Amino acid sequence: MASFGRFLFGALLSALVLKIRRQPLVLNTAGTNWTIFLLSVFYAATPLFLYKSYLYVGSGLATALHFAYPVFVLILMGLLFHESFTWQGMGSMALCVMGIFLLCDAGFDASLFGMAIAVFSGVLYAAYIVILGRSTLLRESVFALTFWICLLAAMELALVAIITGNFQWNLPWQAWGADFCLGLFSTVMALPLFQQGVMLCGEVKASLLSTFEPVTGVLVGISVFGEIMTIQIAVGILLILCATAVLSVPAAKKRDL
């Protein structure tokens, strides 16, 4: 239900933004209905499987396995579109994955089934990124695209909740307030920016740079909630920063020539 509320508010807030900016909800690109539907399915299924994995493994390990999705993006791009596997890309991915595992304090005393579900959530999100990056939808308004993806994702999650008997509409106001914040910050503000990032720098780089999310969570925990900065956390952050630096080396060389 948390994901349903997040996507529901995401759709409503996106529609409000479009209304304020006097932009239409209708997409201009023809023949993209199937692509939007696929994007919504992968986007909705990602948190569904990630939250399910929390029932079998610790949240730290599950999150670390999920945030390995840049590796899956690189693999999918290579298998489906014959993108080259460069040393910079492979090294950057390795540093990124190691850094995320350190940040999430991952342990390995967990069920293989739960780990597989967490990995699958990362694969689903990687598929979402690849489909988005290779579609013509990036030429559309980012808020219109966000509206349709979130609306369809909310409807799909509601259908799953009804079928499984887990649909609960009468939630306390605190829960709806949390869903509103998720819809605002994690969806309406984050999703359009990520879509723009995919358009500007490509699927692999955008997916890697988006792994700054756990870094941001750690830094907010330290600065706002007084959590302790350990050597393990510092090394994890440093590895992710190094991963970004390694990935940017080819572009820097091109500018110098």
C-alpha atoms as a PDB file:
ATOM      1  CA  MET A   1       0.000   0.000   0.000  1.00  0.00           C
ATOM      2  CA  ALA A   2       2.947   2.348   0.531  1.00  0.00           C
ATOM      3  CA  SER A   3       3.884   2.103  -3.141  1.00  0.00           C
ATOM      4  CA  PHE A   4       0.252   2.492  -4.197  1.00  0.00           C
ATOM      5  CA  GLY A   5      -0.087   5.721  -2.216  1.00  0.00           C
ATOM      6  CA  ARG A   6       3.248   7.000  -3.466  1.00  0.00           C
ATOM      7  CA  PHE A   7       2.301   6.478  -7.122  1.00  0.00           C
ATOM      8  CA  LEU A   8      -1.238   7.781  -6.601  1.00  0.00           C
ATOM      9  CA  PHE A   9       0.014  11.045  -5.127  1.00  0.00           C
ATOM     10  CA  GLY A  10       2.741  11.124  -7.763  1.00  0.00           C
ATOM     11  CA  ALA A  11       0.119  11.046 -10.516  1.00  0.00           C
ATOM     12  CA  LEU A  12      -2.059  13.687  -8.834  1.00  0.00           C
ATOM     13  CA  LEU A  13       0.865  16.034  -8.171  1.00  0.00           C
ATOM     14  CA  SER A  14       2.170  15.586 -11.715  1.00  0.00           C
ATOM     15  CA  ALA A  15      -1.260  16.511 -13.054  1.00  0.00           C
ATOM     16  CA  LEU A  16      -1.216  19.597 -10.820  1.00  0.00           C
ATOM     17  CA  VAL A  17       2.193  20.634 -12.160  1.00  0.00           C
ATOM     18  CA  LEU A  18       0.962  20.223 -15.733  1.00  0.00           C
ATOM     19  CA  LYS A  19      -2.130  22.295 -14.908  1.00  0.00           C
ATOM     20  CA  ILE A  20      -0.022  25.102 -13.433  1.00  0.00           C
ATOM     21  CA  ARG A  21       2.326  25.049 -16.423  1.00  0.00           C
ATOM     22  CA  ARG A  22      -0.645  24.823 -18.822  1.00  0.00           C
ATOM     23  CA  GLN A  23       0.690  21.697 -20.460  1.00  0.00           C
ATOM     24  CA  PRO A  24      -1.536  18.854 -21.730  1.00  0.00           C
ATOM     25  CA  LEU A  25      -1.749  15.414 -20.176  1.00  0.00           C
ATOM     26  CA  VAL A  26      -1.898  13.855 -23.630  1.00  0.00           C
ATOM     27  CA  LEU A  27       1.394  12.605 -25.064  1.00  0.00           C
ATOM     28  CA  ASN A  28       2.288  13.705 -28.586  1.00  0.00           C
ATOM     29  CA  THR A  29       4.281  10.633 -29.626  1.00  0.00           C
ATOM     30  CA  ALA A  30       2.092   8.151 -31.481  1.00  0.00           C
ATOM     31  CA  GLY A  31       2.190   4.408 -30.935  1.00  0.00           C
ATOM     32  CA  THR A  32       3.716   4.526 -27.458  1.00  0.00           C
ATOM     33  CA  ASN A  33       0.840   3.092 -25.414  1.00  0.00           C
ATOM     34  CA  TRP A  34       2.486  -0.321 -25.165  1.00  0.00           C
ATOM     35  CA  THR A  35       5.811   1.243 -24.135  1.00  0.00           C
ATOM     36  CA  ILE A  36       4.166   3.302 -21.380  1.00  0.00           C
ATOM     37  CA  PHE A  37       2.370   0.201 -20.133  1.00  0.00           C
ATOM     38  CA  LEU A  38       5.637  -1.772 -20.011  1.00  0.00           C
ATOM     39  CA  LEU A  39       7.374   1.068 -18.161  1.00  0.00           C
ATOM     40  CA  SER A  40       4.567   1.220 -15.590  1.00  0.00           C
ATOM     41  CA  VAL A  41       4.683  -2.549 -15.029  1.00  0.00           C
ATOM     42  CA  PHE A  42       8.430  -2.591 -14.389  1.00  0.00           C
ATOM     43  CA  TYR A  43       8.242   0.583 -12.279  1.00  0.00           C
ATOM     44  CA  ALA A  44       5.408  -0.812 -10.143  1.00  0.00           C
ATOM     45  CA  ALA A  45       6.942  -4.278  -9.774  1.00  0.00           C
ATOM     46  CA  THR A  46      10.312  -2.956  -8.594  1.00  0.00           C
ATOM     47  CA  PRO A  47       9.235  -1.834  -5.075  1.00  0.00           C
ATOM     48  CA  LEU A  48       6.799  -4.754  -4.866  1.00  0.00           C
ATOM     49  CA  PHE A  49       9.610  -7.307  -5.085  1.00  0.00           C
ATOM     50  CA  LEU A  50      12.050  -5.193  -3.066  1.00  0.00           C
ATOM     51  CA  TYR A  51       9.624  -4.883  -0.135  1.00  0.00           C
ATOM     52  CA  LYS A  52       8.838  -8.606  -0.433  1.00  0.00           C
ATOM     53  CA  SER A  53      12.528  -9.425  -0.073  1.00  0.00           C
ATOM     54  CA  TYR A  54      12.584  -7.653   3.306  1.00  0.00           C
ATOM     55  CA  LEU A  55      10.520 -10.546   4.680  1.00  0.00           C
ATOM     56  CA  TYR A  56      13.380 -12.977   4.024  1.00  0.00           C
ATOM     57  CA  VAL A  57      16.610 -10.966   4.295  1.00  0.00           C
ATOM     58  CA  GLY A  58      17.797  -7.923   6.171  1.00  0.00           C
ATOM     59  CA  SER A  59      16.936  -4.565   4.679  1.00  0.00           C
ATOM     60  CA  GLY A  60      20.629  -3.699   4.336  1.00  0.00           C
ATOM     61  CA  LEU A  61      21.477  -6.724   2.233  1.00  0.00           C
ATOM     62  CA  ALA A  62      18.265  -6.450   0.190  1.00  0.00           C
ATOM     63  CA  THR A  63      18.913  -2.784  -0.546  1.00  0.00           C
ATOM     64  CA  ALA A  64      22.516  -3.452  -1.501  1.00  0.00           C
ATOM     65  CA  LEU A  65      21.468  -6.211  -3.909  1.00  0.00           C
ATOM     66  CA  HIS A  66      18.780  -3.986  -5.415  1.00  0.00           C
ATOM     67  CA  PHE A  67      21.189  -1.095  -5.947  1.00  0.00           C
ATOM     68  CA  ALA A  68      23.374  -3.329  -8.064  1.00  0.00           C
ATOM     69  CA  TYR A  69      20.983  -2.446 -10.906  1.00  0.00           C
ATOM     70  CA  PRO A  70      23.630  -0.396 -12.804  1.00  0.00           C
ATOM     71  CA  VAL A  71      25.402  -3.723 -13.408  1.00  0.00           C
ATOM     72  CA  PHE A  72      22.200  -5.156 -14.873  1.00  0.00           C
ATOM     73  CA  VAL A  73      21.757  -2.048 -17.037  1.00  0.00           C
ATOM     74  CA  LEU A  74      25.264  -2.543 -18.416  1.00  0.00           C
ATOM     75  CA  ILE A  75      24.575  -6.237 -19.086  1.00  0.00           C
ATOM     76  CA  LEU A  76      21.215  -5.573 -20.777  1.00  0.00           C
ATOM     77  CA  MET A  77      22.715  -2.838 -22.948  1.00  0.00           C
ATOM     78  CA  GLY A  78      25.483  -5.218 -24.001  1.00  0.00           C
ATOM     79  CA  LEU A  79      23.203  -8.183 -24.696  1.00  0.00           C
ATOM     80  CA  LEU A  80      20.327  -6.350 -26.368  1.00  0.00           C
ATOM     81  CA  PHE A  81      22.044  -3.416 -28.079  1.00  0.00           C
ATOM     82  CA  HIS A  82      25.639  -4.664 -28.387  1.00  0.00           C
ATOM     83  CA  GLU A  83      27.048  -1.842 -26.282  1.00  0.00           C
ATOM     84  CA  SER A  84      30.746  -2.369 -25.603  1.00  0.00           C
ATOM     85  CA  PHE A  85      31.899  -3.456 -22.139  1.00  0.00           C
ATOM     86  CA  THR A  86      34.696  -0.955 -21.450  1.00  0.00           C
ATOM     87  CA  TRP A  87      37.234  -1.269 -18.658  1.00  0.00           C
ATOM     88  CA  GLN A  88      36.026   2.051 -17.277  1.00  0.00           C
ATOM     89  CA  GLY A  89      32.442   0.852 -17.165  1.00  0.00           C
ATOM     90  CA  MET A  90      33.240  -2.511 -15.591  1.00  0.00           C
ATOM     91  CA  GLY A  91      35.604  -0.983 -13.040  1.00  0.00           C
ATOM     92  CA  SER A  92      33.105   1.719 -12.161  1.00  0.00           C
ATOM     93  CA  MET A  93      30.365  -0.851 -11.629  1.00  0.00           C
ATOM     94  CA  ALA A  94      32.604  -2.954  -9.385  1.00  0.00           C
ATOM     95  CA  LEU A  95      33.525   0.033  -7.211  1.00  0.00           C
ATOM     96  CA  CYS A  96      29.883   1.100  -7.039  1.00  0.00           C
ATOM     97  CA  VAL A  97      28.627  -2.319  -5.906  1.00  0.00           C
ATOM     98  CA  MET A  98      31.350  -2.625  -3.247  1.00  0.00           C
ATOM     99  CA  GLY A  99      30.556   0.837  -1.941  1.00  0.00           C
ATOM    100  CA  ILE A 100      26.827   0.120  -1.690  1.00  0.00           C
ATOM    101  CA  PHE A 101      27.443  -3.120   0.209  1.00  0.00           C
ATOM    102  CA  LEU A 102      29.583  -1.239   2.714  1.00  0.00           C
ATOM    103  CA  LEU A 103      26.980   1.512   3.144  1.00  0.00           C
ATOM    104  CA  CYS A 104      24.169  -0.970   3.704  1.00  0.00           C
ATOM    105  CA  ASP A 105      26.223  -3.075   6.123  1.00  0.00           C
ATOM    106  CA  ALA A 106      25.229  -6.183   4.215  1.00  0.00           C
ATOM    107  CA  GLY A 107      25.506  -9.561   5.830  1.00  0.00           C
ATOM    108  CA  PHE A 108      25.196 -12.940   4.160  1.00  0.00           C
ATOM    109  CA  ASP A 109      23.229 -14.890   6.799  1.00  0.00           C
ATOM    110  CA  ALA A 110      20.092 -14.777   4.663  1.00  0.00           C
ATOM    111  CA  SER A 111      17.967 -17.054   2.515  1.00  0.00           C
ATOM    112  CA  LEU A 112      18.865 -17.467  -1.124  1.00  0.00           C
ATOM    113  CA  PHE A 113      15.210 -16.969  -2.027  1.00  0.00           C
ATOM    114  CA  GLY A 114      15.109 -13.545  -0.400  1.00  0.00           C
ATOM    115  CA  MET A 115      18.370 -12.546  -2.043  1.00  0.00           C
ATOM    116  CA  ALA A 116      17.041 -13.687  -5.414  1.00  0.00           C
ATOM    117  CA  ILE A 117      13.933 -11.521  -4.994  1.00  0.00           C
ATOM    118  CA  ALA A 118      16.066  -8.493  -4.112  1.00  0.00           C
ATOM    119  CA  VAL A 119      18.280  -9.069  -7.154  1.00  0.00           C
ATOM    120  CA  PHE A 120      15.177  -9.490  -9.332  1.00  0.00           C
ATOM    121  CA  SER A 121      13.890  -6.092  -8.169  1.00  0.00           C
ATOM    122  CA  GLY A 122      17.141  -4.601  -9.437  1.00  0.00           C
ATOM    123  CA  VAL A 123      16.769  -6.418 -12.759  1.00  0.00           C
ATOM    124  CA  LEU A 124      13.239  -5.040 -13.132  1.00  0.00           C
ATOM    125  CA  TYR A 125      14.420  -1.489 -12.496  1.00  0.00           C
ATOM    126  CA  ALA A 126      17.283  -1.986 -14.956  1.00  0.00           C
ATOM    127  CA  ALA A 127      14.767  -3.113 -17.581  1.00  0.00           C
ATOM    128  CA  TYR A 128      12.726   0.015 -16.872  1.00  0.00           C
ATOM    129  CA  ILE A 129      15.795   2.204 -17.426  1.00  0.00           C
ATOM    130  CA  VAL A 130      16.766   0.461 -20.676  1.00  0.00           C
ATOM    131  CA  ILE A 131      13.234   0.638 -22.112  1.00  0.00           C
ATOM    132  CA  LEU A 132      12.970   4.306 -21.153  1.00  0.00           C
ATOM    133  CA  GLY A 133      16.346   5.165 -22.655  1.00  0.00           C
ATOM    134  CA  ARG A 134      15.625   3.416 -25.951  1.00  0.00           C
ATOM    135  CA  SER A 135      12.099   4.805 -26.404  1.00  0.00           C
ATOM    136  CA  THR A 136      10.901   7.986 -28.089  1.00  0.00           C
ATOM    137  CA  LEU A 137       9.107   9.009 -24.895  1.00  0.00           C
ATOM    138  CA  LEU A 138      12.103  11.040 -23.730  1.00  0.00           C
ATOM    139  CA  ARG A 139      10.982  13.728 -26.178  1.00  0.00           C
ATOM    140  CA  GLU A 140       7.748  14.147 -24.215  1.00  0.00           C
ATOM    141  CA  SER A 141       7.085  16.392 -21.239  1.00  0.00           C
ATOM    142  CA  VAL A 142       8.716  14.725 -18.239  1.00  0.00           C
ATOM    143  CA  PHE A 143       5.725  15.529 -16.037  1.00  0.00           C
ATOM    144  CA  ALA A 144       3.222  14.114 -18.544  1.00  0.00           C
ATOM    145  CA  LEU A 145       5.297  10.945 -18.762  1.00  0.00           C
ATOM    146  CA  THR A 146       5.526  10.799 -14.967  1.00  0.00           C
ATOM    147  CA  PHE A 147       1.747  11.216 -14.695  1.00  0.00           C
ATOM    148  CA  TRP A 148       0.948   8.271 -16.949  1.00  0.00           C
ATOM    149  CA  ILE A 149       3.597   5.947 -15.499  1.00  0.00           C
ATOM    150  CA  CYS A 150       2.506   6.695 -11.928  1.00  0.00           C
ATOM    151  CA  LEU A 151      -1.209   6.465 -12.706  1.00  0.00           C
ATOM    152  CA  LEU A 152      -0.873   3.083 -14.394  1.00  0.00           C
ATOM    153  CA  ALA A 153       1.521   1.826 -11.701  1.00  0.00           C
ATOM    154  CA  ALA A 154      -0.951   2.836  -8.963  1.00  0.00           C
ATOM    155  CA  MET A 155      -3.783   1.030 -10.752  1.00  0.00           C
ATOM    156  CA  GLU A 156      -1.661  -2.100 -11.216  1.00  0.00           C
ATOM    157  CA  LEU A 157      -0.603  -2.185  -7.561  1.00  0.00           C
ATOM    158  CA  ALA A 158      -4.205  -1.625  -6.450  1.00  0.00           C
ATOM    159  CA  LEU A 159      -5.288  -4.574  -8.597  1.00  0.00           C
ATOM    160  CA  VAL A 160      -2.568  -6.795  -7.092  1.00  0.00           C
ATOM    161  CA  ALA A 161      -3.566  -5.704  -3.563  1.00  0.00           C
ATOM    162  CA  ILE A 162      -7.243  -6.440  -4.224  1.00  0.00           C
ATOM    163  CA  ILE A 163      -6.506  -9.879  -5.705  1.00  0.00           C
ATOM    164  CA  THR A 164      -4.251 -10.810  -2.763  1.00  0.00           C
ATOM    165  CA  GLY A 165      -6.660  -9.334  -0.195  1.00  0.00           C
ATOM    166  CA  ASN A 166      -4.171  -6.732   1.040  1.00  0.00           C
ATOM    167  CA  PHE A 167      -5.914  -3.572  -0.160  1.00  0.00           C
ATOM    168  CA  GLN A 168      -6.484  -1.139   2.745  1.00  0.00           C
ATOM    169  CA  TRP A 169      -8.001   2.239   2.006  1.00  0.00           C
ATOM    170  CA  ASN A 170      -8.691   3.285   5.614  1.00  0.00           C
ATOM    171  CA  LEU A 171      -5.159   4.160   6.641  1.00  0.00           C
ATOM    172  CA  PRO A 172      -4.261   6.654   9.399  1.00  0.00           C
ATOM    173  CA  TRP A 173      -3.495  10.191   8.292  1.00  0.00           C
ATOM    174  CA  GLN A 174       0.170   9.704   9.203  1.00  0.00           C
ATOM    175  CA  ALA A 175       0.406   6.941   6.599  1.00  0.00           C
ATOM    176  CA  TRP A 176      -1.236   9.087   3.927  1.00  0.00           C
ATOM    177  CA  GLY A 177       1.073  11.952   4.903  1.00  0.00           C
ATOM    178  CA  ALA A 178       4.113   9.723   4.456  1.00  0.00           C
ATOM    179  CA  ASP A 179       2.782   8.573   1.075  1.00  0.00           C
ATOM    180  CA  PHE A 180       2.259  12.200   0.068  1.00  0.00           C
ATOM    181  CA  CYS A 181       5.893  12.994   0.901  1.00  0.00           C
ATOM    182  CA  LEU A 182       7.042   9.941  -1.054  1.00  0.00           C
ATOM    183  CA  GLY A 183       4.901  11.014  -3.983  1.00  0.00           C
ATOM    184  CA  LEU A 184       6.315  14.536  -3.860  1.00  0.00           C
ATOM    185  CA  PHE A 185      10.015  13.985  -3.206  1.00  0.00           C
ATOM    186  CA  SER A 186      10.665  10.442  -4.473  1.00  0.00           C
ATOM    187  CA  THR A 187       8.383  10.611  -7.491  1.00  0.00           C
ATOM    188  CA  VAL A 188       7.341  14.035  -8.799  1.00  0.00           C
ATOM    189  CA  MET A 189      10.717  15.605  -8.075  1.00  0.00           C
ATOM    190  CA  ALA A 190      13.004  12.596  -8.585  1.00  0.00           C
ATOM    191  CA  LEU A 191      11.456  10.756 -11.531  1.00  0.00           C
ATOM    192  CA  PRO A 192      11.413  13.679 -14.024  1.00  0.00           C
ATOM    193  CA  LEU A 193      15.005  14.504 -13.111  1.00  0.00           C
ATOM    194  CA  PHE A 194      16.051  10.907 -13.681  1.00  0.00           C
ATOM    195  CA  GLN A 195      14.237  10.823 -17.035  1.00  0.00           C
ATOM    196  CA  GLN A 196      16.086  13.973 -18.043  1.00  0.00           C
ATOM    197  CA  GLY A 197      19.341  12.404 -16.904  1.00  0.00           C
ATOM    198  CA  VAL A 198      18.783   9.307 -19.044  1.00  0.00           C
ATOM    199  CA  MET A 199      18.164  11.535 -22.049  1.00  0.00           C
ATOM    200  CA  LEU A 200      21.290  13.648 -21.473  1.00  0.00           C
ATOM    201  CA  CYS A 201      23.918  11.086 -20.422  1.00  0.00           C
ATOM    202  CA  GLY A 202      22.536   7.679 -21.352  1.00  0.00           C
ATOM    203  CA  GLU A 203      21.208   4.665 -19.502  1.00  0.00           C
ATOM    204  CA  VAL A 204      24.436   3.369 -17.938  1.00  0.00           C
ATOM    205  CA  LYS A 205      25.751   6.676 -16.599  1.00  0.00           C
ATOM    206  CA  ALA A 206      22.312   7.745 -15.349  1.00  0.00           C
ATOM    207  CA  SER A 207      21.822   4.450 -13.508  1.00  0.00           C
ATOM    208  CA  LEU A 208      25.262   4.690 -11.909  1.00  0.00           C
ATOM    209  CA  LEU A 209      24.838   8.306 -10.811  1.00  0.00           C
ATOM    210  CA  SER A 210      21.443   7.468  -9.297  1.00  0.00           C
ATOM    211  CA  THR A 211      23.206   5.160  -6.824  1.00  0.00           C
ATOM    212  CA  PHE A 212      24.004   8.316  -4.870  1.00  0.00           C
ATOM    213  CA  GLU A 213      20.621   7.667  -3.234  1.00  0.00           C
ATOM    214  CA  PRO A 214      22.047   5.460  -0.440  1.00  0.00           C
ATOM    215  CA  VAL A 215      24.899   7.937  -0.017  1.00  0.00           C
ATOM    216  CA  THR A 216      22.367  10.721   0.464  1.00  0.00           C
ATOM    217  CA  GLY A 217      20.453   8.591   2.975  1.00  0.00           C
ATOM    218  CA  VAL A 218      23.596   7.972   5.000  1.00  0.00           C
ATOM    219  CA  LEU A 219      24.617  11.657   4.964  1.00  0.00           C
ATOM    220  CA  VAL A 220      21.115  12.767   6.031  1.00  0.00           C
ATOM    221  CA  GLY A 221      21.183  10.215   8.843  1.00  0.00           C
ATOM    222  CA  ILE A 222      24.511  11.554  10.063  1.00  0.00           C
ATOM    223  CA  SER A 223      23.738  15.272   9.724  1.00  0.00           C
ATOM    224  CA  VAL A 224      20.063  15.265  10.798  1.00  0.00           C
ATOM    225  CA  PHE A 225      19.609  12.251  13.062  1.00  0.00           C
ATOM    226  CA  GLY A 226      23.051  12.162  14.660  1.00  0.00           C
ATOM    227  CA  GLU A 227      24.120   8.790  13.300  1.00  0.00           C
ATOM    228  CA  ILE A 228      27.796   7.932  13.604  1.00  0.00           C
ATOM    229  CA  MET A 229      30.210   8.143  10.658  1.00  0.00           C
ATOM    230  CA  THR A 230      32.235   4.923  10.751  1.00  0.00           C
ATOM    231  CA  ILE A 231      35.283   3.931   8.725  1.00  0.00           C
ATOM    232  CA  GLN A 232      33.116   1.442   6.827  1.00  0.00           C
ATOM    233  CA  ILE A 233      30.625   4.166   5.819  1.00  0.00           C
ATOM    234  CA  ALA A 234      33.435   6.542   4.828  1.00  0.00           C
ATOM    235  CA  VAL A 235      35.058   3.881   2.630  1.00  0.00           C
ATOM    236  CA  GLY A 236      31.675   3.068   1.054  1.00  0.00           C
ATOM    237  CA  ILE A 237      31.060   6.696   0.144  1.00  0.00           C
ATOM    238  CA  LEU A 238      34.611   7.023  -1.179  1.00  0.00           C
ATOM    239  CA  LEU A 239      34.186   3.952  -3.409  1.00  0.00           C
ATOM    240  CA  ILE A 240      30.982   5.329  -4.947  1.00  0.00           C
ATOM    241  CA  LEU A 241      32.648   8.693  -5.570  1.00  0.00           C
ATOM    242  CA  CYS A 242      35.583   6.880  -7.195  1.00  0.00           C
ATOM    243  CA  ALA A 243      33.139   4.898  -9.346  1.00  0.00           C
ATOM    244  CA  THR A 244      31.684   8.132 -10.679  1.00  0.00           C
ATOM    245  CA  ALA A 245      35.158   9.555 -11.303  1.00  0.00           C
ATOM    246  CA  VAL A 246      36.240   6.427 -13.203  1.00  0.00           C
ATOM    247  CA  LEU A 247      33.149   6.557 -15.402  1.00  0.00           C
ATOM    248  CA  SER A 248      33.780  10.183 -16.308  1.00  0.00           C
ATOM    249  CA  VAL A 249      37.383   9.641 -17.473  1.00  0.00           C
ATOM    250  CA  PRO A 250      36.575   8.891 -21.146  1.00  0.00           C
ATOM    251  CA  ALA A 251      34.390  12.013 -21.469  1.00  0.00           C
ATOM    252  CA  ALA A 252      37.124  14.155 -19.900  1.00  0.00           C
ATOM    253  CA  LYS A 253      39.690  12.845 -22.398  1.00  0.00           C
ATOM    254  CA  LYS A 254      37.383  13.602 -25.311  1.00  0.00           C
ATOM    255  CA  ARG A 255      37.028  17.209 -24.243  1.00  0.00           C
ATOM    256  CA  ASP A 256      40.818  17.613 -24.070  1.00  0.00           C
ATOM    257  CA  LEU A 257      41.379  16.417 -27.647  1.00  0.00           C
END
